[in-house]
PDB file of N, CA and C in Angstrom:
ATOM      1  N   MET A   1      -8.799 -28.294 -13.202  1.00  0.00           N
ATOM      2  CA  MET A   1      -8.424 -27.594 -14.755  1.00  0.00           C
ATOM      3  C   MET A   1      -8.740 -26.028 -14.046  1.00  0.00           C
ATOM      4  N   TYR A   2      -9.923 -25.881 -13.187  1.00  0.00           N
ATOM      5  CA  TYR A   2     -10.546 -25.513 -13.011  1.00  0.00           C
ATOM      6  C   TYR A   2      -9.903 -24.494 -11.564  1.00  0.00           C
ATOM      7  N   LYS A   3     -10.153 -23.012 -10.978  1.00  0.00           N
ATOM      8  CA  LYS A   3      -9.226 -22.212 -10.619  1.00  0.00           C
ATOM      9  C   LYS A   3     -10.685 -21.840  -9.301  1.00  0.00           C
ATOM     10  N   THR A   4     -10.419 -22.893  -8.456  1.00  0.00           N
ATOM     11  CA  THR A   4     -10.591 -21.846  -6.845  1.00  0.00           C
ATOM     12  C   THR A   4     -10.939 -20.462  -6.647  1.00  0.00           C
ATOM     13  N   VAL A   5     -11.981 -19.411  -6.378  1.00  0.00           N
ATOM     14  CA  VAL A   5     -12.067 -18.745  -5.813  1.00  0.00           C
ATOM     15  C   VAL A   5     -13.096 -18.053  -4.692  1.00  0.00           C
ATOM     16  N   ILE A   6     -11.753 -17.806  -3.958  1.00  0.00           N
ATOM     17  CA  ILE A   6     -12.046 -16.796  -2.158  1.00  0.00           C
ATOM     18  C   ILE A   6     -13.346 -15.961  -2.777  1.00  0.00           C
ATOM     19  N   LEU A   7     -14.251 -15.461  -2.591  1.00  0.00           N
ATOM     20  CA  LEU A   7     -14.941 -14.354  -2.144  1.00  0.00           C
ATOM     21  C   LEU A   7     -15.507 -13.798  -0.520  1.00  0.00           C
ATOM     22  N   TYR A   8     -14.595 -12.969   0.021  1.00  0.00           N
ATOM     23  CA  TYR A   8     -14.749 -13.257   2.051  1.00  0.00           C
ATOM     24  C   TYR A   8     -16.436 -11.526   1.396  1.00  0.00           C
ATOM     25  N   LYS A   9     -17.691 -12.072   2.166  1.00  0.00           N
ATOM     26  CA  LYS A   9     -17.607 -11.021   2.408  1.00  0.00           C
ATOM     27  C   LYS A   9     -17.814 -10.095   2.715  1.00  0.00           C
ATOM     28  N   THR A  10     -18.307  -8.974   2.634  1.00  0.00           N
ATOM     29  CA  THR A  10     -18.070  -7.174   3.786  1.00  0.00           C
ATOM     30  C   THR A  10     -19.077  -6.682   3.516  1.00  0.00           C
ATOM     31  N   PRO A  11     -19.683  -6.659   5.478  1.00  0.00           N
ATOM     32  CA  PRO A  11     -20.458  -6.271   5.809  1.00  0.00           C
ATOM     33  C   PRO A  11     -20.726  -4.271   4.165  1.00  0.00           C
ATOM     34  N   MET A  12     -22.040  -3.898   4.103  1.00  0.00           N
ATOM     35  CA  MET A  12     -22.531  -3.180   3.065  1.00  0.00           C
ATOM     36  C   MET A  12     -23.125  -2.287   3.590  1.00  0.00           C
ATOM     37  N   HIS A  13     -23.480  -0.849   3.859  1.00  0.00           N
ATOM     38  CA  HIS A  13     -23.647   0.290   4.780  1.00  0.00           C
ATOM     39  C   HIS A  13     -23.904   1.095   3.195  1.00  0.00           C
ATOM     40  N   THR A  14     -24.973   0.845   2.489  1.00  0.00           N
ATOM     41  CA  THR A  14     -26.347   1.814   1.621  1.00  0.00           C
ATOM     42  C   THR A  14     -26.950   3.762   1.747  1.00  0.00           C
ATOM     43  N   VAL A  15     -26.183   3.859   1.052  1.00  0.00           N
ATOM     44  CA  VAL A  15     -26.433   5.751   1.636  1.00  0.00           C
ATOM     45  C   VAL A  15     -26.755   6.201   0.277  1.00  0.00           C
ATOM     46  N   SER A  16     -27.401   7.703   0.793  1.00  0.00           N
ATOM     47  CA  SER A  16     -27.509   8.102  -0.780  1.00  0.00           C
ATOM     48  C   SER A  16     -26.014   9.100  -0.615  1.00  0.00           C
ATOM     49  N   LEU A  17     -25.946  10.208  -1.992  1.00  0.00           N
ATOM     50  CA  LEU A  17     -25.091  10.569  -2.097  1.00  0.00           C
ATOM     51  C   LEU A  17     -25.515  12.244  -1.228  1.00  0.00           C
ATOM     52  N   SER A  18     -26.201  12.925  -1.123  1.00  0.00           N
ATOM     53  CA  SER A  18     -26.531  14.140   0.392  1.00  0.00           C
ATOM     54  C   SER A  18     -25.724  12.935   1.571  1.00  0.00           C
ATOM     55  N   GLU A  19     -25.694  11.786   1.582  1.00  0.00           N
ATOM     56  CA  GLU A  19     -25.485  11.928   2.693  1.00  0.00           C
ATOM     57  C   GLU A  19     -24.296  11.295   2.912  1.00  0.00           C
ATOM     58  N   PHE A  20     -24.103  10.420   1.191  1.00  0.00           N
ATOM     59  CA  PHE A  20     -22.400  10.637   1.437  1.00  0.00           C
ATOM     60  C   PHE A  20     -21.386  12.378   1.356  1.00  0.00           C
ATOM     61  N   ARG A  21     -22.119  13.705   0.491  1.00  0.00           N
ATOM     62  CA  ARG A  21     -21.317  14.385   0.754  1.00  0.00           C
ATOM     63  C   ARG A  21     -21.428  14.754   2.908  1.00  0.00           C
ATOM     64  N   ALA A  22     -22.777  15.497   2.570  1.00  0.00           N
ATOM     65  CA  ALA A  22     -22.625  15.166   4.224  1.00  0.00           C
ATOM     66  C   ALA A  22     -22.057  14.359   5.540  1.00  0.00           C
ATOM     67  N   ASN A  23     -21.495  13.491   5.677  1.00  0.00           N
ATOM     68  CA  ASN A  23     -20.725  12.215   5.977  1.00  0.00           C
ATOM     69  C   ASN A  23     -19.343  11.574   5.779  1.00  0.00           C
ATOM     70  N   ALA A  24     -18.217  12.916   4.925  1.00  0.00           N
ATOM     71  CA  ALA A  24     -17.572  11.808   3.620  1.00  0.00           C
ATOM     72  C   ALA A  24     -16.582  11.671   4.804  1.00  0.00           C
ATOM     73  N   SER A  25     -16.274  12.121   5.609  1.00  0.00           N
ATOM     74  CA  SER A  25     -15.102  10.780   6.639  1.00  0.00           C
ATOM     75  C   SER A  25     -15.409  10.051   7.665  1.00  0.00           C
ATOM     76  N   ALA A  26     -17.336   9.701   7.693  1.00  0.00           N
ATOM     77  CA  ALA A  26     -18.367   8.448   9.198  1.00  0.00           C
ATOM     78  C   ALA A  26     -17.574   7.916   7.443  1.00  0.00           C
ATOM     79  N   MET A  27     -17.627   7.601   6.349  1.00  0.00           N
ATOM     80  CA  MET A  27     -18.258   7.088   5.662  1.00  0.00           C
ATOM     81  C   MET A  27     -16.610   6.137   5.648  1.00  0.00           C
ATOM     82  N   LEU A  28     -15.630   7.860   4.839  1.00  0.00           N
ATOM     83  CA  LEU A  28     -14.833   6.685   4.688  1.00  0.00           C
ATOM     84  C   LEU A  28     -13.446   6.153   6.294  1.00  0.00           C
ATOM     85  N   ASP A  29     -14.248   6.239   7.683  1.00  0.00           N
ATOM     86  CA  ASP A  29     -14.038   5.029   8.603  1.00  0.00           C
ATOM     87  C   ASP A  29     -14.591   4.164   8.598  1.00  0.00           C
ATOM     88  N   ARG A  30     -15.677   3.692   7.737  1.00  0.00           N
ATOM     89  CA  ARG A  30     -16.481   2.828   7.601  1.00  0.00           C
ATOM     90  C   ARG A  30     -15.515   1.860   6.583  1.00  0.00           C
ATOM     91  N   VAL A  31     -14.787   2.911   5.859  1.00  0.00           N
ATOM     92  CA  VAL A  31     -14.395   1.771   5.083  1.00  0.00           C
ATOM     93  C   VAL A  31     -12.579   0.886   4.908  1.00  0.00           C
ATOM     94  N   GLU A  32     -12.246   1.834   5.920  1.00  0.00           N
ATOM     95  CA  GLU A  32     -11.098   1.241   7.002  1.00  0.00           C
ATOM     96  C   GLU A  32     -10.887   0.549   7.890  1.00  0.00           C
ATOM     97  N   GLN A  33     -12.432  -0.343   7.984  1.00  0.00           N
ATOM     98  CA  GLN A  33     -12.815  -0.617   9.769  1.00  0.00           C
ATOM     99  C   GLN A  33     -13.150  -2.389   8.332  1.00  0.00           C
ATOM    100  N   GLY A  34     -12.847  -2.028   7.331  1.00  0.00           N
ATOM    101  CA  GLY A  34     -13.267  -2.875   6.341  1.00  0.00           C
ATOM    102  C   GLY A  34     -14.505  -2.914   6.131  1.00  0.00           C
ATOM    103  N   GLU A  35     -15.694  -2.103   5.991  1.00  0.00           N
ATOM    104  CA  GLU A  35     -17.047  -2.618   5.756  1.00  0.00           C
ATOM    105  C   GLU A  35     -16.627  -2.006   3.643  1.00  0.00           C
ATOM    106  N   THR A  36     -17.828  -1.316   3.334  1.00  0.00           N
ATOM    107  CA  THR A  36     -17.805  -1.950   1.380  1.00  0.00           C
ATOM    108  C   THR A  36     -19.169  -0.333   1.319  1.00  0.00           C
ATOM    109  N   VAL A  37     -19.182   0.603   1.193  1.00  0.00           N
ATOM    110  CA  VAL A  37     -19.824   1.760   0.964  1.00  0.00           C
ATOM    111  C   VAL A  37     -20.381   1.717   0.403  1.00  0.00           C
ATOM    112  N   ARG A  38     -21.899   1.293  -0.634  1.00  0.00           N
ATOM    113  CA  ARG A  38     -22.776   1.941  -2.053  1.00  0.00           C
ATOM    114  C   ARG A  38     -23.385   3.345  -1.438  1.00  0.00           C
ATOM    115  N   ILE A  39     -22.967   4.104  -2.717  1.00  0.00           N
ATOM    116  CA  ILE A  39     -23.378   5.563  -2.698  1.00  0.00           C
ATOM    117  C   ILE A  39     -24.596   5.819  -4.322  1.00  0.00           C
ATOM    118  N   LEU A  40     -25.475   5.471  -3.487  1.00  0.00           N
ATOM    119  CA  LEU A  40     -26.444   5.656  -4.621  1.00  0.00           C
ATOM    120  C   LEU A  40     -27.143   7.798  -4.671  1.00  0.00           C
ATOM    121  N   ARG A  41     -27.250   7.323  -6.569  1.00  0.00           N
ATOM    122  CA  ARG A  41     -28.132   9.138  -6.758  1.00  0.00           C
ATOM    123  C   ARG A  41     -29.513   8.095  -7.240  1.00  0.00           C
ATOM    124  N   HIS A  42     -30.715   9.226  -6.763  1.00  0.00           N
ATOM    125  CA  HIS A  42     -31.962   8.837  -7.401  1.00  0.00           C
ATOM    126  C   HIS A  42     -32.049   7.013  -7.483  1.00  0.00           C
ATOM    127  N   GLY A  43     -31.636   7.113  -5.820  1.00  0.00           N
ATOM    128  CA  GLY A  43     -31.440   5.277  -5.579  1.00  0.00           C
ATOM    129  C   GLY A  43     -31.395   4.254  -6.516  1.00  0.00           C
ATOM    130  N   LYS A  44     -30.330   5.030  -7.407  1.00  0.00           N
ATOM    131  CA  LYS A  44     -29.286   3.104  -7.797  1.00  0.00           C
ATOM    132  C   LYS A  44     -28.739   3.606  -7.612  1.00  0.00           C
ATOM    133  N   PRO A  45     -27.320   2.307  -7.940  1.00  0.00           N
ATOM    134  CA  PRO A  45     -26.679   2.517  -7.208  1.00  0.00           C
ATOM    135  C   PRO A  45     -25.264   3.161  -8.437  1.00  0.00           C
ATOM    136  N   VAL A  46     -24.198   4.061  -7.984  1.00  0.00           N
ATOM    137  CA  VAL A  46     -23.763   4.373  -8.627  1.00  0.00           C
ATOM    138  C   VAL A  46     -22.460   4.267  -8.358  1.00  0.00           C
ATOM    139  N   ALA A  47     -21.952   4.072  -6.789  1.00  0.00           N
ATOM    140  CA  ALA A  47     -19.944   4.088  -6.982  1.00  0.00           C
ATOM    141  C   ALA A  47     -20.647   3.697  -5.567  1.00  0.00           C
ATOM    142  N   GLU A  48     -19.155   2.519  -4.998  1.00  0.00           N
ATOM    143  CA  GLU A  48     -19.325   1.564  -3.788  1.00  0.00           C
ATOM    144  C   GLU A  48     -17.668   1.456  -4.118  1.00  0.00           C
ATOM    145  N   LEU A  49     -17.225   1.961  -2.929  1.00  0.00           N
ATOM    146  CA  LEU A  49     -16.149   2.650  -1.811  1.00  0.00           C
ATOM    147  C   LEU A  49     -15.745   0.665  -0.920  1.00  0.00           C
ATOM    148  N   VAL A  50     -14.370   0.124  -1.900  1.00  0.00           N
ATOM    149  CA  VAL A  50     -14.528  -0.952  -0.897  1.00  0.00           C
ATOM    150  C   VAL A  50     -13.250  -0.541  -0.383  1.00  0.00           C
ATOM    151  N   PRO A  51     -12.454  -1.443   1.144  1.00  0.00           N
ATOM    152  CA  PRO A  51     -11.063  -1.467   1.709  1.00  0.00           C
ATOM    153  C   PRO A  51     -10.171  -1.946   0.374  1.00  0.00           C
ATOM    154  N   VAL A  52      -8.759  -1.142   0.111  1.00  0.00           N
ATOM    155  CA  VAL A  52      -8.051  -1.209   0.086  1.00  0.00           C
ATOM    156  C   VAL A  52      -7.211  -2.459  -0.237  1.00  0.00           C
ATOM    157  N   GLN A  53      -7.065  -3.244  -0.218  1.00  0.00           N
ATOM    158  CA  GLN A  53      -6.600  -5.380  -0.942  1.00  0.00           C
ATOM    159  C   GLN A  53      -4.884  -4.750  -0.869  1.00  0.00           C
ATOM    160  N   PRO A  54      -4.224  -4.872   0.251  1.00  0.00           N
ATOM    161  CA  PRO A  54      -2.371  -5.162  -0.086  1.00  0.00           C
ATOM    162  C   PRO A  54      -2.490  -5.616  -1.209  1.00  0.00           C
ATOM    163  N   ALA A  55      -1.635  -5.395  -2.479  1.00  0.00           N
ATOM    164  CA  ALA A  55      -0.466  -6.279  -3.945  1.00  0.00           C
ATOM    165  C   ALA A  55       0.162  -7.286  -2.713  1.00  0.00           C
ATOM    166  N   ALA A  56       0.340  -7.621  -3.387  1.00  0.00           N
ATOM    167  CA  ALA A  56       0.743  -9.052  -3.452  1.00  0.00           C
ATOM    168  C   ALA A  56       2.780  -7.930  -3.754  1.00  0.00           C
ATOM    169  N   PRO A  57       3.826  -8.652  -2.819  1.00  0.00           N
ATOM    170  CA  PRO A  57       5.304  -8.330  -3.291  1.00  0.00           C
ATOM    171  C   PRO A  57       5.600  -7.888  -4.635  1.00  0.00           C
ATOM    172  N   GLU A  58       5.640  -8.834  -5.310  1.00  0.00           N
ATOM    173  CA  GLU A  58       5.524  -9.246  -6.635  1.00  0.00           C
ATOM    174  C   GLU A  58       4.209  -9.321  -8.490  1.00  0.00           C
ATOM    175  N   LYS A  59       3.450  -8.145  -7.540  1.00  0.00           N
ATOM    176  CA  LYS A  59       2.348  -7.329  -8.503  1.00  0.00           C
ATOM    177  C   LYS A  59       2.802  -6.016  -8.306  1.00  0.00           C
ATOM    178  N   LEU A  60       3.845  -5.667  -7.423  1.00  0.00           N
ATOM    179  CA  LEU A  60       4.169  -4.214  -7.347  1.00  0.00           C
ATOM    180  C   LEU A  60       5.352  -3.937  -8.745  1.00  0.00           C
ATOM    181  N   PRO A  61       4.636  -2.048  -8.521  1.00  0.00           N
ATOM    182  CA  PRO A  61       5.574  -2.804  -9.959  1.00  0.00           C
ATOM    183  C   PRO A  61       7.263  -2.547  -9.740  1.00  0.00           C
ATOM    184  N   SER A  62       9.017  -2.082  -9.922  1.00  0.00           N
ATOM    185  CA  SER A  62       9.954  -1.496  -9.124  1.00  0.00           C
ATOM    186  C   SER A  62      10.205  -1.430  -8.220  1.00  0.00           C
ATOM    187  N   TRP A  63       9.399  -0.507  -8.675  1.00  0.00           N
ATOM    188  CA  TRP A  63      10.280   1.163  -8.710  1.00  0.00           C
ATOM    189  C   TRP A  63       9.207   0.967  -7.056  1.00  0.00           C
ATOM    190  N   LYS A  64       8.718  -0.097  -6.834  1.00  0.00           N
ATOM    191  CA  LYS A  64       7.439   0.137  -5.267  1.00  0.00           C
ATOM    192  C   LYS A  64       8.194  -0.290  -4.215  1.00  0.00           C
ATOM    193  N   ARG A  65       8.976  -1.592  -4.858  1.00  0.00           N
ATOM    194  CA  ARG A  65       9.399  -2.549  -4.265  1.00  0.00           C
ATOM    195  C   ARG A  65      10.475  -2.130  -2.453  1.00  0.00           C
ATOM    196  N   PRO A  66      10.221  -2.479  -1.427  1.00  0.00           N
ATOM    197  CA  PRO A  66      11.160  -2.264  -0.719  1.00  0.00           C
ATOM    198  C   PRO A  66      13.174  -2.034  -1.659  1.00  0.00           C
ATOM    199  N   ILE A  67      13.658  -1.626  -1.100  1.00  0.00           N
ATOM    200  CA  ILE A  67      14.762  -0.732  -1.225  1.00  0.00           C
ATOM    201  C   ILE A  67      15.550  -1.605  -0.025  1.00  0.00           C
ATOM    202  N   HIS A  68      16.544  -3.196  -0.620  1.00  0.00           N
ATOM    203  CA  HIS A  68      18.021  -2.980   0.620  1.00  0.00           C
ATOM    204  C   HIS A  68      19.277  -3.345   0.466  1.00  0.00           C
ATOM    205  N   PRO A  69      19.540  -2.974   1.174  1.00  0.00           N
ATOM    206  CA  PRO A  69      21.221  -2.357   1.844  1.00  0.00           C
ATOM    207  C   PRO A  69      22.308  -3.106   0.884  1.00  0.00           C
ATOM    208  N   LEU A  70      23.047  -3.122  -0.624  1.00  0.00           N
ATOM    209  CA  LEU A  70      23.674  -4.373  -0.721  1.00  0.00           C
ATOM    210  C   LEU A  70      24.839  -4.692   0.222  1.00  0.00           C
ATOM    211  N   GLU A  71      24.811  -5.439   1.020  1.00  0.00           N
ATOM    212  CA  GLU A  71      25.670  -5.952   1.955  1.00  0.00           C
ATOM    213  C   GLU A  71      27.440  -6.777   1.173  1.00  0.00           C
ATOM    214  N   TYR A  72      27.877  -6.255   1.028  1.00  0.00           N
ATOM    215  CA  TYR A  72      29.241  -5.970   0.830  1.00  0.00           C
ATOM    216  C   TYR A  72      30.287  -6.277   2.238  1.00  0.00           C
ATOM    217  N   GLN A  73      31.232  -7.716   1.587  1.00  0.00           N
ATOM    218  CA  GLN A  73      32.197  -7.665   2.923  1.00  0.00           C
ATOM    219  C   GLN A  73      33.792  -8.138   2.111  1.00  0.00           C
ATOM    220  N   ARG A  74      35.024  -6.641   2.005  1.00  0.00           N
ATOM    221  CA  ARG A  74      35.512  -7.078   1.483  1.00  0.00           C
ATOM    222  C   ARG A  74      36.841  -8.277   1.994  1.00  0.00           C
ATOM    223  N   ALA A  75      37.205  -9.497   2.160  1.00  0.00           N
ATOM    224  CA  ALA A  75      38.469 -10.069   2.309  1.00  0.00           C
ATOM    225  C   ALA A  75      38.905  -9.793   3.127  1.00  0.00           C
ATOM    226  N   ASP A  76      39.218  -8.156   3.964  1.00  0.00           N
ATOM    227  CA  ASP A  76      40.052  -8.155   4.603  1.00  0.00           C
ATOM    228  C   ASP A  76      39.139  -7.131   5.786  1.00  0.00           C
ATOM    229  N   GLY A  77      37.774  -7.265   5.249  1.00  0.00           N
ATOM    230  CA  GLY A  77      36.679  -6.973   6.282  1.00  0.00           C
ATOM    231  C   GLY A  77      36.823  -5.585   7.014  1.00  0.00           C
ATOM    232  N   LYS A  78      37.192  -4.880   5.260  1.00  0.00           N
ATOM    233  CA  LYS A  78      36.263  -3.809   5.651  1.00  0.00           C
ATOM    234  C   LYS A  78      35.401  -3.014   4.965  1.00  0.00           C
ATOM    235  N   SER A  79      34.333  -2.542   5.865  1.00  0.00           N
ATOM    236  CA  SER A  79      33.305  -2.191   4.723  1.00  0.00           C
ATOM    237  C   SER A  79      32.876  -0.956   3.895  1.00  0.00           C
ATOM    238  N   LEU A  80      32.554  -1.149   2.943  1.00  0.00           N
ATOM    239  CA  LEU A  80      33.176   0.321   1.637  1.00  0.00           C
ATOM    240  C   LEU A  80      32.790   1.805   2.272  1.00  0.00           C
ATOM    241  N   ALA A  81      31.711   1.270   3.849  1.00  0.00           N
ATOM    242  CA  ALA A  81      31.755   2.736   4.171  1.00  0.00           C
ATOM    243  C   ALA A  81      33.350   2.994   5.256  1.00  0.00           C
ATOM    244  N   GLN A  82      33.658   2.652   5.466  1.00  0.00           N
ATOM    245  CA  GLN A  82      35.218   2.590   6.768  1.00  0.00           C
ATOM    246  C   GLN A  82      36.502   2.851   4.792  1.00  0.00           C
ATOM    247  N   LEU A  83      36.841   2.408   3.781  1.00  0.00           N
ATOM    248  CA  LEU A  83      36.981   2.527   2.821  1.00  0.00           C
ATOM    249  C   LEU A  83      37.468   3.851   2.088  1.00  0.00           C
ATOM    250  N   ILE A  84      35.552   4.524   1.971  1.00  0.00           N
ATOM    251  CA  ILE A  84      35.623   5.220   1.739  1.00  0.00           C
ATOM    252  C   ILE A  84      36.145   6.872   2.868  1.00  0.00           C
ATOM    253  N   MET A  85      36.289   6.214   3.980  1.00  0.00           N
ATOM    254  CA  MET A  85      36.049   7.069   5.146  1.00  0.00           C
ATOM    255  C   MET A  85      38.203   7.199   5.466  1.00  0.00           C
ATOM    256  N   ASP A  86      38.382   5.786   5.152  1.00  0.00           N
ATOM    257  CA  ASP A  86      40.225   5.692   4.721  1.00  0.00           C
ATOM    258  C   ASP A  86      40.541   7.181   3.493  1.00  0.00           C
ATOM    259  N   GLU A  87      40.456   7.563   2.143  1.00  0.00           N
ATOM    260  CA  GLU A  87      39.680   7.477   1.377  1.00  0.00           C
ATOM    261  C   GLU A  87      40.515   9.047   1.780  1.00  0.00           C
ATOM    262  N   ARG A  88      39.671   9.480   2.516  1.00  0.00           N
ATOM    263  CA  ARG A  88      39.220   9.890   2.294  1.00  0.00           C
ATOM    264  C   ARG A  88      40.451  11.542   4.064  1.00  0.00           C
ATOM    265  N   GLU A  89      40.424  10.465   4.485  1.00  0.00           N
ATOM    266  CA  GLU A  89      40.904  11.718   5.717  1.00  0.00           C
ATOM    267  C   GLU A  89      42.385  11.687   4.498  1.00  0.00           C
ATOM    268  N   SER A  90      42.762  10.722   4.340  1.00  0.00           N
ATOM    269  CA  SER A  90      44.370  10.462   3.694  1.00  0.00           C
ATOM    270  C   SER A  90      44.002  11.852   1.791  1.00  0.00           C
ATOM    271  N   ALA A  91      43.274  12.320   1.795  1.00  0.00           N
ATOM    272  CA  ALA A  91      43.481  13.053   0.551  1.00  0.00           C
ATOM    273  C   ALA A  91      43.976  13.874   1.444  1.00  0.00           C
ATOM    274  N   ARG A  92      44.824  14.038  -0.013  1.00  0.00           N
ATOM    275  CA  ARG A  92      45.764  16.046  -0.314  1.00  0.00           C
ATOM    276  C   ARG A  92      45.559  16.572   0.285  1.00  0.00           C
ATOM    277  N   TYR A  93      43.447  17.352  -0.004  1.00  0.00           N
ATOM    278  CA  TYR A  93      43.220  18.816   0.352  1.00  0.00           C
ATOM    279  C   TYR A  93      42.553  19.088   1.163  1.00  0.00           C
TER     280      TYR A  93
END
């Protein structure tokens, strides 16, 4: 009945807004390495940059899922690509 939740503790780096503006690229590098960056304005936290968690494939919308080519084999052993090439070669034009 109870759901187990596992929280992962990541290192956190706290910076002021002016420091973040001056070193935005370095802060993003820290986030890429797995750290969380907390941004302060006038000493109060206003934002946190956290690493992106990859979504599970079943939670991705259908238009973002990878497309796998259709594998269709005819009884005579020819692929659909071969049938198209044969049709083009035998065309009258």
